[in-house]
Amino acid sequence: MSLSYRAQVFALLDASPLTSETVTTDVRHLLLHGAEALAFDTMCSWIYEDALPINRSYHARLVDMAEQLGTPQSVRRLEELLTD
């Protein structure tokens, strides 16, 4: 994976509604070890599991990243969490 994917997932993590330090640490660890797709999927899974609200703009960014990483299943049900 390219460094730009890593940077994009870091940016999405920084903008995410995740508040668990354990989860964000795990996602950062995966990113630092070159597992961008797994880090992204982990982040999306926790957003869904914790039912954290997201706006349409952030959702669109997640969908775009899922397409780039080839992991469309990562964002499959996140539209249920849209707030606007």
Protein backbone atom coordinates (compact mmCIF):
# COMPACT_ATOMS: atom_id res chain seq x y z
CA MET A 1 0.00 0.00 0.00
CA SER A 2 1.15 3.49 -0.65
CA LEU A 3 2.07 6.07 1.93
CA SER A 4 -0.84 8.17 0.67
CA TYR A 5 -3.28 5.43 1.72
CA ARG A 6 -1.70 5.43 5.14
CA ALA A 7 -1.97 9.21 5.40
CA GLN A 8 -5.59 9.12 4.24
CA VAL A 9 -6.56 6.49 6.81
CA PHE A 10 -4.73 8.44 9.53
CA ALA A 11 -6.75 11.53 8.51
CA LEU A 12 -9.99 9.55 8.63
CA LEU A 13 -9.06 8.20 12.05
CA ASP A 14 -8.32 11.70 13.32
CA ALA A 15 -11.72 12.88 12.04
CA SER A 16 -13.58 9.81 13.27
CA PRO A 17 -16.08 9.78 16.12
CA LEU A 18 -14.08 7.06 17.88
CA THR A 19 -13.29 7.91 21.48
CA SER A 20 -11.81 4.65 22.75
CA GLU A 21 -8.08 5.11 23.21
CA THR A 22 -7.61 1.35 22.90
CA VAL A 23 -9.28 1.26 19.50
CA THR A 24 -7.47 4.30 18.12
CA THR A 25 -4.16 2.92 19.39
CA ASP A 26 -4.85 -0.41 17.68
CA VAL A 27 -5.72 1.30 14.40
CA ARG A 28 -2.58 3.46 14.57
CA HIS A 29 -0.48 0.38 15.32
CA LEU A 30 -1.85 -1.39 12.25
CA LEU A 31 -1.17 1.67 10.10
CA LEU A 32 2.40 1.98 11.33
CA HIS A 33 2.97 -1.65 10.37
CA GLY A 34 1.66 -1.22 6.82
CA ALA A 35 -1.73 -2.85 7.30
CA GLU A 36 -3.80 0.02 5.90
CA ALA A 37 -6.76 -2.09 4.74
CA LEU A 38 -6.99 -3.92 8.08
CA ALA A 39 -6.65 -0.65 10.00
CA PHE A 40 -9.42 0.91 7.91
CA ASP A 41 -11.70 -2.09 8.34
CA THR A 42 -11.04 -2.12 12.09
CA MET A 43 -11.88 1.58 12.36
CA CYS A 44 -15.11 1.17 10.38
CA SER A 45 -16.10 -1.91 12.36
CA TRP A 46 -15.77 -0.04 15.65
CA ILE A 47 -17.70 2.95 14.35
CA TYR A 48 -20.52 0.56 13.45
CA GLU A 49 -20.29 -1.58 16.60
CA ASP A 50 -20.42 1.49 18.84
CA ALA A 51 -23.22 3.00 16.69
CA LEU A 52 -21.33 6.29 16.44
CA PRO A 53 -23.09 8.95 14.38
CA ILE A 54 -21.36 10.16 11.22
CA ASN A 55 -22.24 12.90 8.76
CA ARG A 56 -22.65 12.47 5.00
CA SER A 57 -19.34 14.12 4.20
CA TYR A 58 -17.39 11.77 6.46
CA HIS A 59 -19.37 8.79 5.15
CA ALA A 60 -18.49 9.77 1.57
CA ARG A 61 -14.81 9.90 2.55
CA LEU A 62 -15.08 6.42 4.08
CA VAL A 63 -16.78 5.04 0.96
CA ASP A 64 -14.09 6.57 -1.25
CA MET A 65 -11.32 5.06 0.89
CA ALA A 66 -13.03 1.66 0.85
CA GLU A 67 -13.08 1.78 -2.94
CA GLN A 68 -9.41 2.75 -3.08
CA LEU A 69 -8.43 -0.05 -0.69
CA GLY A 70 -10.70 -2.61 -2.35
CA THR A 71 -12.62 -3.23 0.88
CA PRO A 72 -16.24 -2.27 0.13
CA GLN A 73 -17.48 -4.54 2.92
CA SER A 74 -15.84 -2.19 5.44
CA VAL A 75 -18.49 0.47 4.91
CA ARG A 76 -21.44 -1.73 3.99
CA ARG A 77 -23.78 -0.73 6.84
CA LEU A 78 -22.37 2.61 7.94
CA GLU A 79 -25.14 4.54 6.16
CA GLU A 80 -27.37 3.44 9.06
CA LEU A 81 -25.39 5.85 11.25
CA LEU A 82 -25.89 8.99 9.15
CA THR A 83 -27.04 12.02 11.11
CA ASP A 84 -27.81 14.44 8.28
